[in-house]
Structure formats: C-alpha cells, structure tokens
Amino acid sequence: MSVAVGAAFAMLAIAPAAQATITEVGATGDQATGSPSCPADCIAVTRTTGYQAKVGPDRGLYVVPRKGRIVAWSITLGKPGKRQASFFADNFGGEAQAGIAVLRTGSKLRARTVALSPLINLKPYFGTTVQFPLAQSIKVQKGMVIALNVPTWAPSLAVGLPAETSWRASREDKCKDQATTQLQTSQQLDQLTQYRCLYKTARLTYSATLISTVPQENATAPATTQTG
C-alpha cells in the first residue's frame, strides 16, 4: 500500500464515528477487458482527456460512487519499441505523460474539469502496471467522473474489444478513427469541454483509488477472525 493511502487511513482513524472505505474507481478485475496494444498494433492515447463510457455492458465504472478523496491513481502501460516511441514523441509533443482529471458532467456531453493531478513522465514505467500516490489528495463528490489526462501521448489503450466497450475523448466533433488522429490538447483547470468523440472497441487502462467514510450508524460492523 502506498504512503499516501496509509496516511489517509491514519487521518480517518482519528474520527471514531466513521468507517473508512476504499474503492478502486475503474477497476473490473476482468482480464478480458484487454491489455495495452503496444508494441504489437501500437495505438496510443494522444493529446486528449478521456474517460471510459462502457466496459462491456457495464456503465459508470469511472463515476465516483460516494464523496471522499482520491489518494492515488494507477495505469497499465504497453511497451512501445524505440521507433514507435520516437514516432509518438516527434508528432505529439515529446515524452509520454499522463495524470488524472476530475470532471463534473453536464448536458450535451459537456464536462468541467474541477481538479487535476500532477503529470507523470511515463517512460520509466513502460510495460508495467504502476500506482502513483498523490502528495495532496483530491476531494471528490458522488457523481463526478475520473478521466485520464494526456497532454502528449500514453501507451495505455487496449484495442480490439467488443463493440459495446467504448470511451469518450475531449473533442467537439464526432470521431471515427482511434487515438493516433487526435489533435486537441488535454484539459486545464476549470475548463468546460464537450466529450462528443466516442471510440468503440477500446479501453483506457487506468483507475483511481478513492478513500471515503461511511457514518457509523450506517456502516456494517467488520468481520473478525480469531486465531490461536
């Protein structure tokens, strides 16, 4: 467990009237949802902010289920070859970077960016799944959406999935092609953007760790195990 998560639990333990709950927003535990495409058919997420609309029949996996704080985020990265990495770096603004964005959604597929995490240089983590603790946690409310914020490019897209799996990108126009054709830059704080671009058969491979509290009167007592 990361230092940030441990620190958050320590703070919550001070309040005797609440019980800490940890949720991985965006996690499915289903390997059938795919792995990042690089280096085989290497398609990257480029210059956009995006969130998963559906994974199979499941909607709302990236919607915050209750108020609390995001204390870390995770990403699974493909391992592009040297030529592939050079292509993306030359055409999409430099080294691979990403962070998360917290969105408040509205009508007509619009969403306002209410919080952003620091950006991370992803190159040292290619080919792995990595978690990044947040030095300063992000306060979120129920119903907000956790998105992946990519100012340059990131090898974090699983492709070739069933048509019902889809994700939305920060584009005012509808899109047909996958991520290599994206040209719009990622989000700025308090920016209002339309997410009209729907990419099917693909998934963004990221998640975020939410720590929240449940009032003691509404919480179920934790199970206990006796040993010895």
Protein backbone atom coordinates (compact mmCIF):
# COMPACT_ATOMS: atom_id res chain seq x y z
CA MET A 1 0.00 0.00 0.00
CA SER A 2 1.31 3.43 -0.89
CA VAL A 3 2.38 6.04 1.64
CA ALA A 4 -0.46 8.34 0.56
CA VAL A 5 -3.09 5.66 1.18
CA GLY A 6 -1.62 4.79 4.56
CA ALA A 7 -1.56 8.44 5.61
CA ALA A 8 -5.18 8.87 4.59
CA PHE A 9 -6.24 5.88 6.65
CA ALA A 10 -4.36 7.27 9.65
CA MET A 11 -6.31 10.53 9.38
CA LEU A 12 -9.63 8.73 9.10
CA ALA A 13 -8.84 6.59 12.13
CA ILE A 14 -8.95 9.72 14.29
CA ALA A 15 -12.70 10.02 13.70
CA PRO A 16 -14.40 7.32 15.81
CA ALA A 17 -17.82 7.96 14.25
CA ALA A 18 -16.79 6.92 10.74
CA GLN A 19 -15.50 3.84 8.97
CA ALA A 20 -13.01 4.12 6.13
CA THR A 21 -13.96 2.60 2.78
CA ILE A 22 -11.51 2.10 -0.08
CA THR A 23 -12.70 1.77 -3.69
CA GLU A 24 -10.73 1.41 -6.92
CA VAL A 25 -12.70 3.54 -9.37
CA GLY A 26 -12.50 1.95 -12.81
CA ALA A 27 -11.28 -1.49 -11.74
CA THR A 28 -13.12 -4.53 -13.12
CA GLY A 29 -10.80 -7.42 -12.23
CA ASP A 30 -11.63 -8.92 -15.64
CA GLN A 31 -8.64 -9.77 -17.81
CA ALA A 32 -10.98 -9.99 -20.83
CA THR A 33 -11.06 -6.19 -20.87
CA GLY A 34 -7.71 -6.26 -22.63
CA SER A 35 -4.11 -5.10 -22.31
CA PRO A 36 -2.43 -2.06 -23.90
CA SER A 37 -1.82 -2.57 -27.61
CA CYS A 38 1.87 -1.62 -27.80
CA PRO A 39 4.20 -2.90 -29.10
CA ALA A 40 2.15 -5.14 -31.46
CA ASP A 41 -0.54 -2.96 -33.04
CA CYS A 42 0.72 0.13 -31.26
CA ILE A 43 -2.06 2.69 -30.85
CA ALA A 44 -1.58 5.35 -28.17
CA VAL A 45 -3.80 7.90 -26.49
CA THR A 46 -2.67 11.31 -27.76
CA ARG A 47 -3.30 14.89 -26.63
CA THR A 48 -6.66 14.39 -25.00
CA THR A 49 -8.58 13.84 -21.81
CA GLY A 50 -10.78 10.76 -21.88
CA TYR A 51 -12.95 8.54 -19.74
CA GLN A 52 -14.46 5.12 -20.22
CA ALA A 53 -18.16 5.20 -21.12
CA LYS A 54 -18.72 1.43 -21.04
CA VAL A 55 -16.77 -1.76 -20.39
CA GLY A 56 -18.91 -4.47 -21.92
CA PRO A 57 -22.43 -3.96 -20.55
CA ASP A 58 -21.20 -2.01 -17.52
CA ARG A 59 -21.66 1.76 -17.45
CA GLY A 60 -20.38 4.27 -14.95
CA LEU A 61 -17.25 2.41 -13.82
CA TYR A 62 -15.39 5.73 -13.64
CA VAL A 63 -18.16 7.59 -11.82
CA VAL A 64 -17.30 8.35 -8.19
CA PRO A 65 -19.72 6.25 -6.07
CA ARG A 66 -19.54 8.39 -2.91
CA LYS A 67 -17.81 11.53 -1.67
CA GLY A 68 -14.28 11.18 -0.39
CA ARG A 69 -10.72 11.75 -1.58
CA ILE A 70 -8.68 10.34 -4.45
CA VAL A 71 -5.35 9.37 -2.91
CA ALA A 72 -3.64 7.60 -5.84
CA TRP A 73 -4.10 6.58 -9.45
CA SER A 74 -2.86 3.62 -11.45
CA ILE A 75 -2.13 2.93 -15.10
CA THR A 76 -1.21 -0.14 -17.15
CA LEU A 77 1.22 0.73 -19.93
CA GLY A 78 2.25 -1.03 -23.09
CA LYS A 79 5.90 -1.20 -24.09
CA PRO A 80 6.38 0.58 -27.41
CA GLY A 81 9.54 -0.08 -29.37
CA LYS A 82 12.16 2.61 -29.90
CA ARG A 83 10.83 3.60 -33.34
CA GLN A 84 7.24 3.61 -32.09
CA ALA A 85 8.12 5.81 -29.11
CA SER A 86 10.06 8.18 -31.38
CA PHE A 87 7.09 8.47 -33.74
CA PHE A 88 4.71 9.48 -30.96
CA ALA A 89 7.25 11.81 -29.32
CA ASP A 90 8.00 13.56 -32.62
CA ASN A 91 4.36 14.02 -33.57
CA PHE A 92 2.60 14.57 -30.24
CA GLY A 93 4.70 16.91 -28.16
CA GLY A 94 7.53 14.93 -26.61
CA GLU A 95 7.85 12.25 -23.91
CA ALA A 96 4.83 10.24 -22.77
CA GLN A 97 2.99 11.92 -19.89
CA ALA A 98 -0.31 11.48 -18.10
CA GLY A 99 -2.28 12.31 -14.98
CA ILE A 100 -5.90 12.17 -13.92
CA ALA A 101 -8.65 14.78 -14.21
CA VAL A 102 -11.81 15.02 -12.13
CA LEU A 103 -14.83 16.06 -14.19
CA ARG A 104 -18.25 17.42 -13.28
CA THR A 105 -20.50 16.34 -16.12
CA GLY A 106 -23.44 18.29 -17.52
CA SER A 107 -25.77 18.34 -20.51
CA LYS A 108 -24.86 17.78 -24.17
CA LEU A 109 -21.82 15.69 -23.21
CA ARG A 110 -20.14 18.69 -21.61
CA ALA A 111 -17.93 18.40 -18.55
CA ARG A 112 -15.98 20.87 -16.44
CA THR A 113 -12.52 19.99 -15.15
CA VAL A 114 -12.64 20.59 -11.38
CA ALA A 115 -9.30 19.02 -10.38
CA LEU A 116 -6.08 17.78 -11.97
CA SER A 117 -3.31 15.60 -10.60
CA PRO A 118 0.36 16.34 -11.33
CA LEU A 119 1.60 14.90 -14.62
CA ILE A 120 3.93 11.91 -14.59
CA ASN A 121 6.66 11.03 -17.09
CA LEU A 122 5.61 7.52 -18.12
CA LYS A 123 8.70 6.28 -19.97
CA PRO A 124 10.36 4.58 -16.95
CA TYR A 125 7.18 2.52 -16.41
CA PHE A 126 6.55 1.19 -19.93
CA GLY A 127 5.44 -2.44 -19.88
CA THR A 128 4.19 -2.35 -16.28
CA THR A 129 1.20 -1.52 -14.11
CA VAL A 130 2.12 1.27 -11.71
CA GLN A 131 0.38 3.24 -8.97
CA PHE A 132 1.17 6.90 -8.28
CA PRO A 133 0.26 8.15 -4.76
CA LEU A 134 -0.85 11.77 -4.62
CA ALA A 135 1.12 14.03 -2.29
CA GLN A 136 -2.09 16.07 -1.97
CA SER A 137 -5.31 14.08 -2.20
CA ILE A 138 -8.19 15.31 -4.37
CA LYS A 139 -11.61 15.91 -2.81
CA VAL A 140 -14.44 14.45 -4.90
CA GLN A 141 -18.22 14.28 -4.72
CA LYS A 142 -20.55 11.46 -5.69
CA GLY A 143 -21.29 11.50 -9.41
CA MET A 144 -18.04 13.11 -10.56
CA VAL A 145 -16.06 11.29 -13.26
CA ILE A 146 -12.39 10.30 -13.14
CA ALA A 147 -10.68 10.80 -16.51
CA LEU A 148 -7.20 10.19 -17.89
CA ASN A 149 -5.42 13.44 -18.79
CA VAL A 150 -2.80 13.12 -21.54
CA PRO A 151 -1.02 16.29 -22.76
CA THR A 152 1.32 14.38 -25.10
CA TRP A 153 0.79 10.63 -25.51
CA ALA A 154 0.44 7.46 -23.46
CA PRO A 155 0.60 3.76 -24.47
CA SER A 156 -2.46 2.99 -22.35
CA LEU A 157 -5.12 1.87 -24.82
CA ALA A 158 -6.45 -1.68 -25.17
CA VAL A 159 -8.00 -2.26 -28.60
CA GLY A 160 -9.88 -4.98 -30.47
CA LEU A 161 -12.51 -5.35 -27.74
CA PRO A 162 -16.26 -5.94 -28.24
CA ALA A 163 -18.19 -3.05 -29.82
CA GLU A 164 -20.10 -2.35 -26.60
CA THR A 165 -16.85 -1.27 -24.91
CA SER A 166 -16.21 2.42 -25.58
CA TRP A 167 -14.56 5.59 -24.27
CA ARG A 168 -15.11 9.32 -24.76
CA ALA A 169 -12.46 11.89 -25.67
CA SER A 170 -12.43 15.66 -25.22
CA ARG A 171 -13.49 16.54 -28.76
CA GLU A 172 -16.26 18.82 -30.03
CA ASP A 173 -16.67 16.67 -33.15
CA LYS A 174 -17.61 13.02 -33.53
CA CYS A 175 -14.67 10.72 -34.24
CA LYS A 176 -14.24 7.55 -36.24
CA ASP A 177 -10.55 6.69 -36.03
CA GLN A 178 -8.67 5.68 -32.91
CA ALA A 179 -6.28 7.75 -30.85
CA THR A 180 -3.46 8.46 -33.31
CA THR A 181 -5.66 11.01 -35.15
CA GLN A 182 -6.41 13.09 -32.05
CA LEU A 183 -5.13 16.67 -32.19
CA GLN A 184 -6.75 18.57 -29.34
CA THR A 185 -4.68 19.15 -26.20
CA SER A 186 -5.58 17.94 -22.72
CA GLN A 187 -7.57 19.81 -20.08
CA GLN A 188 -6.84 22.87 -17.98
CA LEU A 189 -8.37 23.50 -14.56
CA ASP A 190 -11.97 24.82 -14.73
CA GLN A 191 -12.13 24.19 -18.48
CA LEU A 192 -15.54 23.32 -19.95
CA THR A 193 -15.27 20.80 -22.78
CA GLN A 194 -17.52 18.60 -24.88
CA TYR A 195 -16.81 14.88 -24.96
CA ARG A 196 -18.59 14.08 -28.22
CA CYS A 197 -15.91 11.76 -29.57
CA LEU A 198 -16.86 8.13 -28.83
CA TYR A 199 -14.29 5.45 -29.62
CA LYS A 200 -15.64 1.90 -29.69
CA THR A 201 -13.85 -1.44 -29.21
CA ALA A 202 -11.20 0.15 -26.97
CA ARG A 203 -10.46 0.82 -23.32
CA LEU A 204 -8.28 3.25 -21.39
CA THR A 205 -6.21 1.23 -18.91
CA TYR A 206 -6.25 3.34 -15.76
CA SER A 207 -8.01 3.57 -12.39
CA ALA A 208 -8.07 5.75 -9.26
CA THR A 209 -8.08 4.95 -5.55
CA LEU A 210 -10.90 6.54 -3.55
CA ILE A 211 -10.97 6.69 0.24
CA SER A 212 -14.26 7.73 1.79
CA THR A 213 -16.04 7.45 5.12
CA VAL A 214 -19.32 5.80 6.00
CA PRO A 215 -21.25 7.14 9.05
CA GLN A 216 -21.01 4.63 11.87
CA GLU A 217 -24.78 4.28 12.18
CA ASN A 218 -24.95 3.23 8.50
CA ALA A 219 -21.85 1.06 8.46
CA THR A 220 -21.81 -2.70 8.75
CA ALA A 221 -19.52 -3.96 11.50
CA PRO A 222 -16.37 -5.50 10.05
CA ALA A 223 -15.94 -9.24 10.30
CA THR A 224 -13.44 -10.51 12.89
CA THR A 225 -11.20 -13.56 12.84
CA GLN A 226 -9.90 -15.23 15.98
CA THR A 227 -6.59 -17.05 15.88
CA GLY A 228 -4.54 -19.07 18.31
